[in-house]
C-alpha atoms as a PDB file:
ATOM      1  CA  MET A   1     -89.893  43.141 -22.148  1.00  0.00           C
ATOM      2  CA  PRO A   2     -90.206  39.901 -20.143  1.00  0.00           C
ATOM      3  CA  GLN A   3     -89.507  37.935 -23.314  1.00  0.00           C
ATOM      4  CA  PHE A   4     -86.281  39.911 -23.800  1.00  0.00           C
ATOM      5  CA  PHE A   5     -85.010  39.088 -20.302  1.00  0.00           C
ATOM      6  CA  LEU A   6     -85.923  35.446 -20.754  1.00  0.00           C
ATOM      7  CA  ASN A   7     -83.921  35.247 -23.991  1.00  0.00           C
ATOM      8  CA  LYS A   8     -81.019  37.110 -22.341  1.00  0.00           C
ATOM      9  CA  ARG A   9     -80.844  34.596 -19.500  1.00  0.00           C
ATOM     10  CA  LEU A  10     -80.927  31.714 -21.956  1.00  0.00           C
ATOM     11  CA  ILE A  11     -78.097  33.269 -23.983  1.00  0.00           C
ATOM     12  CA  ILE A  12     -75.989  33.777 -20.804  1.00  0.00           C
ATOM     13  CA  LEU A  13     -76.588  30.154 -19.777  1.00  0.00           C
ATOM     14  CA  LEU A  14     -75.555  28.847 -23.178  1.00  0.00           C
ATOM     15  CA  VAL A  15     -72.430  30.999 -23.241  1.00  0.00           C
ATOM     16  CA  SER A  16     -71.522  29.813 -19.721  1.00  0.00           C
ATOM     17  CA  ILE A  17     -71.896  26.179 -20.742  1.00  0.00           C
ATOM     18  CA  ILE A  18     -69.718  26.757 -23.818  1.00  0.00           C
ATOM     19  CA  VAL A  19     -67.018  28.478 -21.739  1.00  0.00           C
ATOM     20  CA  LEU A  20     -67.137  25.715 -19.145  1.00  0.00           C
ATOM     21  CA  VAL A  21     -66.771  23.018 -21.801  1.00  0.00           C
ATOM     22  CA  ALA A  22     -63.912  24.945 -23.361  1.00  0.00           C
ATOM     23  CA  LEU A  23     -62.138  25.258 -19.986  1.00  0.00           C
ATOM     24  CA  ILE A  24     -62.573  21.552 -19.328  1.00  0.00           C
ATOM     25  CA  GLY A  25     -61.183  20.695 -22.711  1.00  0.00           C
ATOM     26  CA  PHE A  26     -58.311  23.107 -22.160  1.00  0.00           C
ATOM     27  CA  SER A  27     -57.416  21.601 -18.824  1.00  0.00           C
ATOM     28  CA  LEU A  28     -57.554  18.026 -20.117  1.00  0.00           C
ATOM     29  CA  ARG A  29     -55.172  18.466 -22.989  1.00  0.00           C
ATOM     30  CA  GLU A  30     -51.481  17.639 -22.540  1.00  0.00           C
ATOM     31  CA  ARG A  31     -49.390  20.705 -21.707  1.00  0.00           C
ATOM     32  CA  SER A  32     -45.787  21.295 -20.738  1.00  0.00           C
ATOM     33  CA  LYS A  33     -46.691  24.190 -18.403  1.00  0.00           C
ATOM     34  CA  LEU A  34     -49.622  24.928 -16.141  1.00  0.00           C
ATOM     35  CA  SER A  35     -51.380  28.238 -16.166  1.00  0.00           C
ATOM     36  CA  TRP A  36     -50.715  30.559 -13.236  1.00  0.00           C
ATOM     37  CA  PRO A  37     -54.195  30.015 -11.699  1.00  0.00           C
ATOM     38  CA  GLU A  38     -53.625  26.270 -11.815  1.00  0.00           C
ATOM     39  CA  GLN A  39     -50.152  26.669 -10.354  1.00  0.00           C
ATOM     40  CA  PHE A  40     -51.514  28.862  -7.578  1.00  0.00           C
ATOM     41  CA  ILE A  41     -54.299  26.433  -6.703  1.00  0.00           C
ATOM     42  CA  LYS A  42     -51.962  23.439  -6.866  1.00  0.00           C
ATOM     43  CA  ASP A  43     -49.288  25.105  -4.719  1.00  0.00           C
ATOM     44  CA  THR A  44     -51.861  26.234  -2.170  1.00  0.00           C
ATOM     45  CA  THR A  45     -53.427  22.797  -1.989  1.00  0.00           C
ATOM     46  CA  GLY A  46     -50.009  21.151  -1.626  1.00  0.00           C
ATOM     47  CA  TRP A  47     -48.998  23.527   1.164  1.00  0.00           C
ATOM     48  CA  VAL A  48     -52.213  22.850   3.060  1.00  0.00           C
ATOM     49  CA  GLN A  49     -51.775  19.093   2.612  1.00  0.00           C
ATOM     50  CA  SER A  50     -48.203  19.299   3.853  1.00  0.00           C
ATOM     51  CA  LEU A  51     -49.273  21.400   6.817  1.00  0.00           C
ATOM     52  CA  VAL A  52     -51.871  18.801   7.806  1.00  0.00           C
ATOM     53  CA  SER A  53     -49.986  15.637   6.890  1.00  0.00           C
ATOM     54  CA  LYS A  54     -46.768  16.325   8.858  1.00  0.00           C
ATOM     55  CA  PRO A  55     -48.428  16.580  12.307  1.00  0.00           C
ATOM     56  CA  THR A  56     -50.719  13.681  11.395  1.00  0.00           C
ATOM     57  CA  ASN A  57     -47.806  11.478  10.374  1.00  0.00           C
ATOM     58  CA  TYR A  58     -45.881  12.523  13.488  1.00  0.00           C
ATOM     59  CA  VAL A  59     -48.775  11.586  15.785  1.00  0.00           C
ATOM     60  CA  ALA A  60     -49.393   8.322  13.930  1.00  0.00           C
ATOM     61  CA  GLY A  61     -45.663   7.513  14.048  1.00  0.00           C
ATOM     62  CA  PHE A  62     -45.522   8.310  17.767  1.00  0.00           C
ATOM     63  CA  PHE A  63     -48.313   5.863  18.579  1.00  0.00           C
ATOM     64  CA  GLU A  64     -46.745   3.220  16.312  1.00  0.00           C
ATOM     65  CA  ASN A  65     -43.390   3.650  18.092  1.00  0.00           C
ATOM     66  CA  LEU A  66     -45.156   3.508  21.446  1.00  0.00           C
ATOM     67  CA  GLN A  67     -46.824   0.254  20.459  1.00  0.00           C
ATOM     68  CA  ASP A  68     -43.507  -1.165  19.220  1.00  0.00           C
ATOM     69  CA  LEU A  69     -41.836  -0.113  22.473  1.00  0.00           C
ATOM     70  CA  THR A  70     -44.552  -1.814  24.506  1.00  0.00           C
ATOM     71  CA  ASN A  71     -44.204  -4.993  22.464  1.00  0.00           C
ATOM     72  CA  THR A  72     -40.411  -4.894  22.836  1.00  0.00           C
ATOM     73  CA  TYR A  73     -40.724  -4.415  26.600  1.00  0.00           C
ATOM     74  CA  ASP A  74     -43.075  -7.401  26.904  1.00  0.00           C
ATOM     75  CA  GLU A  75     -40.750  -9.557  24.792  1.00  0.00           C
ATOM     76  CA  ASN A  76     -37.674  -8.521  26.819  1.00  0.00           C
ATOM     77  CA  LYS A  77     -39.537  -9.210  30.045  1.00  0.00           C
ATOM     78  CA  GLU A  78     -40.339 -12.708  28.811  1.00  0.00           C
ATOM     79  CA  LEU A  79     -36.879 -13.458  27.379  1.00  0.00           C
ATOM     80  CA  LYS A  80     -34.761 -12.030  30.217  1.00  0.00           C
ATOM     81  CA  PRO A  81     -35.326 -14.925  32.660  1.00  0.00           C
ATOM     82  CA  ARG A  82     -34.513 -17.410  29.893  1.00  0.00           C
ATOM     83  CA  ILE A  83     -31.254 -15.635  29.042  1.00  0.00           C
ATOM     84  CA  GLU A  84     -30.282 -15.452  32.717  1.00  0.00           C
ATOM     85  CA  ASN A  85     -30.762 -19.200  33.097  1.00  0.00           C
ATOM     86  CA  LEU A  86     -29.024 -20.047  29.820  1.00  0.00           C
ATOM     87  CA  ALA A  87     -25.508 -19.254  31.047  1.00  0.00           C
ATOM     88  CA  GLY A  88     -25.928 -21.444  34.113  1.00  0.00           C
ATOM     89  CA  LEU A  89     -27.479 -24.246  32.086  1.00  0.00           C
ATOM     90  CA  GLU A  90     -24.584 -24.146  29.612  1.00  0.00           C
ATOM     91  CA  ALA A  91     -22.070 -24.739  32.380  1.00  0.00           C
ATOM     92  CA  GLN A  92     -24.181 -27.460  33.972  1.00  0.00           C
ATOM     93  CA  VAL A  93     -24.690 -29.340  30.706  1.00  0.00           C
ATOM     94  CA  GLN A  94     -20.953 -29.610  30.082  1.00  0.00           C
ATOM     95  CA  GLU A  95     -20.347 -30.822  33.599  1.00  0.00           C
ATOM     96  CA  LEU A  96     -23.221 -33.321  33.460  1.00  0.00           C
ATOM     97  CA  LYS A  97     -21.811 -34.883  30.273  1.00  0.00           C
ATOM     98  CA  LYS A  98     -18.434 -35.469  31.919  1.00  0.00           C
ATOM     99  CA  GLU A  99     -20.031 -36.593  35.153  1.00  0.00           C
ATOM    100  CA  ASN A 100     -22.214 -39.164  33.363  1.00  0.00           C
ATOM    101  CA  LYS A 101     -19.161 -40.614  31.649  1.00  0.00           C
ATOM    102  CA  GLU A 102     -17.430 -40.966  35.006  1.00  0.00           C
ATOM    103  CA  LEU A 103     -20.507 -42.593  36.538  1.00  0.00           C
ATOM    104  CA  ARG A 104     -20.465 -45.295  33.843  1.00  0.00           C
ATOM    105  CA  ASP A 105     -16.935 -46.177  34.925  1.00  0.00           C
ATOM    106  CA  VAL A 106     -17.487 -45.984  38.672  1.00  0.00           C
ATOM    107  CA  LEU A 107     -20.260 -48.292  39.957  1.00  0.00           C
ATOM    108  CA  GLY A 108     -22.105 -47.540  43.155  1.00  0.00           C
ATOM    109  CA  GLU A 109     -21.502 -43.759  43.156  1.00  0.00           C
ATOM    110  CA  LYS A 110     -24.475 -42.131  44.915  1.00  0.00           C
ATOM    111  CA  LYS A 111     -23.366 -38.597  45.749  1.00  0.00           C
ATOM    112  CA  THR A 112     -21.652 -36.010  43.621  1.00  0.00           C
ATOM    113  CA  LEU A 113     -19.962 -32.704  44.207  1.00  0.00           C
ATOM    114  CA  ARG A 114     -23.044 -31.069  42.710  1.00  0.00           C
ATOM    115  CA  ASP A 115     -25.473 -32.099  45.463  1.00  0.00           C
ATOM    116  CA  PHE A 116     -26.897 -29.164  47.405  1.00  0.00           C
ATOM    117  CA  GLU A 117     -30.154 -27.878  48.834  1.00  0.00           C
ATOM    118  CA  PRO A 118     -31.063 -24.372  47.595  1.00  0.00           C
ATOM    119  CA  LEU A 119     -32.134 -21.893  50.275  1.00  0.00           C
ATOM    120  CA  PRO A 120     -33.666 -18.644  48.927  1.00  0.00           C
ATOM    121  CA  ALA A 121     -32.722 -15.472  50.823  1.00  0.00           C
ATOM    122  CA  THR A 122     -33.216 -11.728  50.536  1.00  0.00           C
ATOM    123  CA  VAL A 123     -30.599  -9.005  50.938  1.00  0.00           C
ATOM    124  CA  ILE A 124     -31.577  -6.926  53.969  1.00  0.00           C
ATOM    125  CA  GLY A 125     -28.482  -4.791  54.486  1.00  0.00           C
ATOM    126  CA  ARG A 126     -25.460  -3.337  52.745  1.00  0.00           C
ATOM    127  CA  ASN A 127     -22.746  -1.029  54.072  1.00  0.00           C
ATOM    128  CA  PRO A 128     -22.223   1.949  51.703  1.00  0.00           C
ATOM    129  CA  ASP A 129     -18.517   2.002  52.638  1.00  0.00           C
ATOM    130  CA  ARG A 130     -18.129  -1.671  51.691  1.00  0.00           C
ATOM    131  CA  TRP A 131     -20.750  -1.867  48.958  1.00  0.00           C
ATOM    132  CA  HIS A 132     -18.626  -4.094  46.709  1.00  0.00           C
ATOM    133  CA  GLU A 133     -17.481  -6.370  49.549  1.00  0.00           C
ATOM    134  CA  MET A 134     -20.338  -7.451  51.817  1.00  0.00           C
ATOM    135  CA  ILE A 135     -24.112  -8.005  51.861  1.00  0.00           C
ATOM    136  CA  ILE A 136     -26.377  -9.150  54.707  1.00  0.00           C
ATOM    137  CA  ILE A 137     -29.106 -11.728  54.051  1.00  0.00           C
ATOM    138  CA  ASP A 138     -32.152 -12.745  56.091  1.00  0.00           C
ATOM    139  CA  LYS A 139     -31.177 -16.403  56.668  1.00  0.00           C
ATOM    140  CA  GLY A 140     -28.967 -17.706  59.484  1.00  0.00           C
ATOM    141  CA  LYS A 141     -28.196 -20.667  61.713  1.00  0.00           C
ATOM    142  CA  LEU A 142     -31.872 -21.449  62.283  1.00  0.00           C
ATOM    143  CA  GLN A 143     -32.240 -22.121  58.565  1.00  0.00           C
ATOM    144  CA  GLY A 144     -29.082 -24.245  58.409  1.00  0.00           C
ATOM    145  CA  VAL A 145     -26.697 -21.659  56.971  1.00  0.00           C
ATOM    146  CA  LYS A 146     -23.022 -22.274  57.753  1.00  0.00           C
ATOM    147  CA  LYS A 147     -19.809 -20.383  57.213  1.00  0.00           C
ATOM    148  CA  ASN A 148     -18.230 -20.678  53.724  1.00  0.00           C
ATOM    149  CA  MET A 149     -21.411 -21.873  51.990  1.00  0.00           C
ATOM    150  CA  ALA A 150     -21.691 -20.596  48.421  1.00  0.00           C
ATOM    151  CA  VAL A 151     -24.221 -17.867  47.605  1.00  0.00           C
ATOM    152  CA  VAL A 152     -25.540 -17.514  44.050  1.00  0.00           C
ATOM    153  CA  THR A 153     -28.105 -15.690  41.911  1.00  0.00           C
ATOM    154  CA  ALA A 154     -29.736 -16.780  38.650  1.00  0.00           C
ATOM    155  CA  ARG A 155     -26.699 -15.375  36.829  1.00  0.00           C
ATOM    156  CA  GLY A 156     -24.060 -17.221  38.854  1.00  0.00           C
ATOM    157  CA  LEU A 157     -21.871 -17.159  41.965  1.00  0.00           C
ATOM    158  CA  VAL A 158     -21.783 -13.931  44.016  1.00  0.00           C
ATOM    159  CA  GLY A 159     -19.756 -14.991  47.057  1.00  0.00           C
ATOM    160  CA  LYS A 160     -19.643 -17.081  50.213  1.00  0.00           C
ATOM    161  CA  VAL A 161     -21.013 -16.871  53.742  1.00  0.00           C
ATOM    162  CA  LYS A 162     -18.506 -15.074  55.964  1.00  0.00           C
ATOM    163  CA  ASN A 163     -20.311 -14.835  59.315  1.00  0.00           C
ATOM    164  CA  VAL A 164     -23.543 -16.392  60.602  1.00  0.00           C
ATOM    165  CA  THR A 165     -25.937 -15.379  63.387  1.00  0.00           C
ATOM    166  CA  GLN A 166     -29.215 -16.981  64.423  1.00  0.00           C
ATOM    167  CA  PHE A 167     -31.381 -14.971  62.004  1.00  0.00           C
ATOM    168  CA  SER A 168     -28.999 -13.465  59.415  1.00  0.00           C
ATOM    169  CA  SER A 169     -25.694 -13.972  57.644  1.00  0.00           C
ATOM    170  CA  THR A 170     -22.962 -11.797  56.162  1.00  0.00           C
ATOM    171  CA  VAL A 171     -21.900 -12.737  52.635  1.00  0.00           C
ATOM    172  CA  GLN A 172     -18.461 -11.829  51.280  1.00  0.00           C
ATOM    173  CA  LEU A 173     -18.749 -10.975  47.576  1.00  0.00           C
ATOM    174  CA  LEU A 174     -16.305 -12.147  44.920  1.00  0.00           C
ATOM    175  CA  SER A 175     -15.566  -8.464  44.282  1.00  0.00           C
ATOM    176  CA  SER A 176     -14.127  -8.110  47.792  1.00  0.00           C
ATOM    177  CA  MET A 177     -10.500  -6.976  47.962  1.00  0.00           C
ATOM    178  CA  ASP A 178      -9.751  -9.347  50.859  1.00  0.00           C
ATOM    179  CA  PRO A 179      -6.548 -11.261  49.872  1.00  0.00           C
ATOM    180  CA  LYS A 180      -7.849 -14.325  51.748  1.00  0.00           C
ATOM    181  CA  ASN A 181     -10.916 -14.520  49.513  1.00  0.00           C
ATOM    182  CA  ARG A 182      -9.883 -17.444  47.272  1.00  0.00           C
ATOM    183  CA  ILE A 183     -12.116 -19.937  45.435  1.00  0.00           C
ATOM    184  CA  SER A 184     -11.064 -23.033  43.531  1.00  0.00           C
ATOM    185  CA  ALA A 185     -12.241 -22.813  39.910  1.00  0.00           C
ATOM    186  CA  ILE A 186     -12.194 -24.621  36.577  1.00  0.00           C
ATOM    187  CA  VAL A 187     -11.888 -23.064  33.122  1.00  0.00           C
ATOM    188  CA  GLN A 188     -13.986 -25.348  30.942  1.00  0.00           C
ATOM    189  CA  GLY A 189     -12.673 -26.549  27.594  1.00  0.00           C
ATOM    190  CA  GLU A 190     -11.567 -29.670  25.774  1.00  0.00           C
ATOM    191  CA  THR A 191      -9.228 -30.081  28.724  1.00  0.00           C
ATOM    192  CA  ASP A 192     -10.321 -28.493  32.012  1.00  0.00           C
ATOM    193  CA  VAL A 193      -7.843 -26.061  33.537  1.00  0.00           C
ATOM    194  CA  HIS A 194      -7.777 -25.443  37.287  1.00  0.00           C
ATOM    195  CA  GLY A 195      -7.097 -22.111  38.938  1.00  0.00           C
ATOM    196  CA  LEU A 196      -7.983 -19.876  41.853  1.00  0.00           C
ATOM    197  CA  VAL A 197     -10.355 -16.912  41.828  1.00  0.00           C
ATOM    198  CA  GLU A 198      -8.193 -14.450  43.696  1.00  0.00           C
ATOM    199  CA  GLY A 199      -8.717 -10.708  43.456  1.00  0.00           C
ATOM    200  CA  TYR A 200     -10.932  -8.267  41.591  1.00  0.00           C
ATOM    201  CA  ASP A 201      -9.949  -5.570  39.117  1.00  0.00           C
ATOM    202  CA  GLN A 202     -12.126  -2.656  40.218  1.00  0.00           C
ATOM    203  CA  GLU A 203     -11.226  -0.534  37.193  1.00  0.00           C
ATOM    204  CA  LYS A 204     -12.191  -3.201  34.633  1.00  0.00           C
ATOM    205  CA  LYS A 205     -14.797  -4.838  36.940  1.00  0.00           C
ATOM    206  CA  LEU A 206     -13.333  -8.267  36.226  1.00  0.00           C
ATOM    207  CA  LEU A 207     -12.429 -11.214  38.447  1.00  0.00           C
ATOM    208  CA  MET A 208      -8.887 -12.580  38.355  1.00  0.00           C
ATOM    209  CA  VAL A 209      -8.324 -16.321  38.101  1.00  0.00           C
ATOM    210  CA  LYS A 210      -4.702 -17.005  39.017  1.00  0.00           C
ATOM    211  CA  ALA A 211      -2.342 -19.978  39.412  1.00  0.00           C
ATOM    212  CA  ILE A 212      -3.101 -21.260  35.901  1.00  0.00           C
ATOM    213  CA  PRO A 213      -0.201 -23.250  34.368  1.00  0.00           C
ATOM    214  CA  SER A 214       1.640 -21.256  31.714  1.00  0.00           C
ATOM    215  CA  GLY A 215       1.194 -23.986  29.102  1.00  0.00           C
ATOM    216  CA  ALA A 216      -2.605 -24.084  29.438  1.00  0.00           C
ATOM    217  CA  LYS A 217      -4.678 -23.183  26.377  1.00  0.00           C
ATOM    218  CA  ILE A 218      -7.330 -20.683  27.389  1.00  0.00           C
ATOM    219  CA  GLU A 219      -9.317 -18.552  24.975  1.00  0.00           C
ATOM    220  CA  LYS A 220     -11.719 -15.656  25.250  1.00  0.00           C
ATOM    221  CA  GLY A 221     -15.299 -16.754  25.884  1.00  0.00           C
ATOM    222  CA  GLN A 222     -14.547 -19.929  27.849  1.00  0.00           C
ATOM    223  CA  THR A 223     -16.745 -20.593  30.870  1.00  0.00           C
ATOM    224  CA  VAL A 224     -15.376 -20.564  34.423  1.00  0.00           C
ATOM    225  CA  ILE A 225     -17.117 -22.615  37.130  1.00  0.00           C
ATOM    226  CA  THR A 226     -16.460 -23.739  40.700  1.00  0.00           C
ATOM    227  CA  SER A 227     -14.418 -26.937  41.010  1.00  0.00           C
ATOM    228  CA  GLY A 228     -16.033 -28.204  44.231  1.00  0.00           C
ATOM    229  CA  LEU A 229     -12.638 -29.282  45.566  1.00  0.00           C
ATOM    230  CA  GLY A 230     -12.848 -27.206  48.733  1.00  0.00           C
ATOM    231  CA  GLY A 231     -15.729 -29.204  50.176  1.00  0.00           C
ATOM    232  CA  PHE A 232     -18.127 -26.304  50.775  1.00  0.00           C
ATOM    233  CA  PHE A 233     -18.899 -25.174  47.237  1.00  0.00           C
ATOM    234  CA  PRO A 234     -20.857 -27.489  44.912  1.00  0.00           C
ATOM    235  CA  LYS A 235     -19.152 -28.220  41.624  1.00  0.00           C
ATOM    236  CA  GLY A 236     -20.416 -26.456  38.503  1.00  0.00           C
ATOM    237  CA  LEU A 237     -21.585 -23.079  39.851  1.00  0.00           C
ATOM    238  CA  LEU A 238     -21.134 -20.459  37.155  1.00  0.00           C
ATOM    239  CA  ILE A 239     -18.498 -17.820  37.909  1.00  0.00           C
ATOM    240  CA  GLY A 240     -18.234 -16.038  34.558  1.00  0.00           C
ATOM    241  CA  LYS A 241     -16.655 -15.882  31.090  1.00  0.00           C
ATOM    242  CA  VAL A 242     -12.987 -15.338  30.180  1.00  0.00           C
ATOM    243  CA  VAL A 243     -12.391 -11.999  28.445  1.00  0.00           C
ATOM    244  CA  GLU A 244      -8.582 -11.807  28.582  1.00  0.00           C
ATOM    245  CA  VAL A 245      -5.551 -13.975  29.409  1.00  0.00           C
ATOM    246  CA  LYS A 246      -2.135 -12.634  30.406  1.00  0.00           C
ATOM    247  CA  GLN A 247       1.106 -13.719  32.081  1.00  0.00           C
ATOM    248  CA  ASP A 248       1.455 -13.069  35.789  1.00  0.00           C
ATOM    249  CA  GLN A 249       4.111 -10.678  37.088  1.00  0.00           C
ATOM    250  CA  TYR A 250       6.709 -13.444  37.344  1.00  0.00           C
ATOM    251  CA  GLY A 251       5.945 -15.038  33.965  1.00  0.00           C
ATOM    252  CA  LEU A 252       5.487 -18.494  35.507  1.00  0.00           C
ATOM    253  CA  ASN A 253       1.687 -18.773  35.407  1.00  0.00           C
ATOM    254  CA  LEU A 254      -1.284 -17.299  33.571  1.00  0.00           C
ATOM    255  CA  THR A 255      -3.957 -14.997  34.914  1.00  0.00           C
ATOM    256  CA  ALA A 256      -7.422 -15.031  33.317  1.00  0.00           C
ATOM    257  CA  LEU A 257      -9.591 -11.959  33.586  1.00  0.00           C
ATOM    258  CA  VAL A 258     -13.193 -13.115  33.926  1.00  0.00           C
ATOM    259  CA  LYS A 259     -16.402 -11.157  33.502  1.00  0.00           C
ATOM    260  CA  PRO A 260     -18.672 -12.274  36.360  1.00  0.00           C
ATOM    261  CA  GLY A 261     -22.182 -13.497  35.600  1.00  0.00           C
ATOM    262  CA  PRO A 262     -24.041 -11.482  38.270  1.00  0.00           C
ATOM    263  CA  ASP A 263     -23.953  -7.733  38.811  1.00  0.00           C
ATOM    264  CA  PHE A 264     -22.330  -7.246  42.231  1.00  0.00           C
ATOM    265  CA  TYR A 265     -23.630  -3.689  42.415  1.00  0.00           C
ATOM    266  CA  ASP A 266     -27.293  -4.684  42.226  1.00  0.00           C
ATOM    267  CA  ILE A 267     -28.169  -7.777  44.285  1.00  0.00           C
ATOM    268  CA  THR A 268     -31.627  -8.229  45.774  1.00  0.00           C
ATOM    269  CA  ASN A 269     -32.372 -11.954  46.008  1.00  0.00           C
ATOM    270  CA  VAL A 270     -29.866 -14.797  46.385  1.00  0.00           C
ATOM    271  CA  ILE A 271     -29.713 -18.547  46.992  1.00  0.00           C
ATOM    272  CA  VAL A 272     -27.552 -20.192  49.639  1.00  0.00           C
ATOM    273  CA  THR A 273     -26.281 -23.622  48.516  1.00  0.00           C
ATOM    274  CA  LYS A 274     -26.696 -25.871  51.553  1.00  0.00           C
ATOM    275  CA  THR A 275     -24.444 -28.829  50.815  1.00  0.00           C
ATOM    276  CA  ASN A 276     -25.013 -32.222  52.418  1.00  0.00           C
ATOM    277  CA  MET A 277     -21.424 -33.300  51.821  1.00  0.00           C
ATOM    278  CA  ILE A 278     -18.721 -33.751  54.432  1.00  0.00           C
ATOM    279  CA  GLN A 279     -17.316 -30.261  54.803  1.00  0.00           C
ATOM    280  CA  VAL A 280     -13.684 -29.587  55.523  1.00  0.00           C
ATOM    281  CA  ASP A 281     -12.454 -26.727  57.646  1.00  0.00           C
ATOM    282  CA  THR A 282     -10.918 -23.742  55.965  1.00  0.00           C
ATOM    283  CA  ALA A 283      -7.210 -24.384  55.543  1.00  0.00           C
ATOM    284  CA  GLU A 284      -4.347 -21.957  55.529  1.00  0.00           C
ATOM    285  CA  THR A 285      -2.040 -22.127  52.552  1.00  0.00           C
ATOM    286  CA  SER A 286       1.700 -21.818  52.835  1.00  0.00           C
ATOM    287  CA  ASP A 287       1.550 -18.054  52.203  1.00  0.00           C
ATOM    288  CA  GLY A 288      -1.086 -17.553  54.902  1.00  0.00           C
ATOM    289  CA  LYS A 289      -4.015 -17.025  52.539  1.00  0.00           C
ATOM    290  CA  GLU A 290      -7.412 -18.625  53.085  1.00  0.00           C
ATOM    291  CA  GLU A 291      -8.668 -20.992  50.393  1.00  0.00           C
ATOM    292  CA  GLU A 292     -12.059 -22.515  49.656  1.00  0.00           C
END
């Protein structure tokens, strides 16, 4: 009896091995269709893999995007100050080239219209009703601030000193709607074109440079800077870039619409340009408007 069971187990083992080998051989041969057990196992395995892989890929992608965002933020933080200074440097380089040529022709010139002493200041007040017209800074007469001095940021000119007290000053922004707020400017090009910054288009958020001769050639993208002819403003302070040129209402002159360099809505820190030049008093033009 024990010998019978031993032989039976051996027979079952041999048959199992034969069946296993046959199944392996069957599965390895080339077939156009899979059997339904194979299809079931393959479909089930694929569904499970898809169920696991999608959340995994989503999480991995999220952390990759987060890392890319962090890297982009660090790069933008590093590049932003360079971009802000680039516009001002572009205007200064063009002016320095012309100024150097003039200095070769004029011997003994020691001072230029560009000479000024920068005085950093912080905005300490702003009237909500006149947000786009005035700011108050923490520097005044004790620090040498005087009326009509230019006030700038890293992006360019923001306005001029309107009133001065011992410890603070009120700055009138270029976006002010005051008709007396006029600044002598130059549109840089092969031939410089003079004009006056006079008025602000609140709808388009653009400065208006008027009194430009009708025959002047001005194109989009040209740089506008201060001329320095008024005596208070140094020459070469960036005002903005030309975005549009049109005839004035009488058709005699051109008006250039200029996108300002700084954002007048968001001003925190500024620089007052303390000039050491002989300063002239503000003059009244024939139409009663004040001019820098």
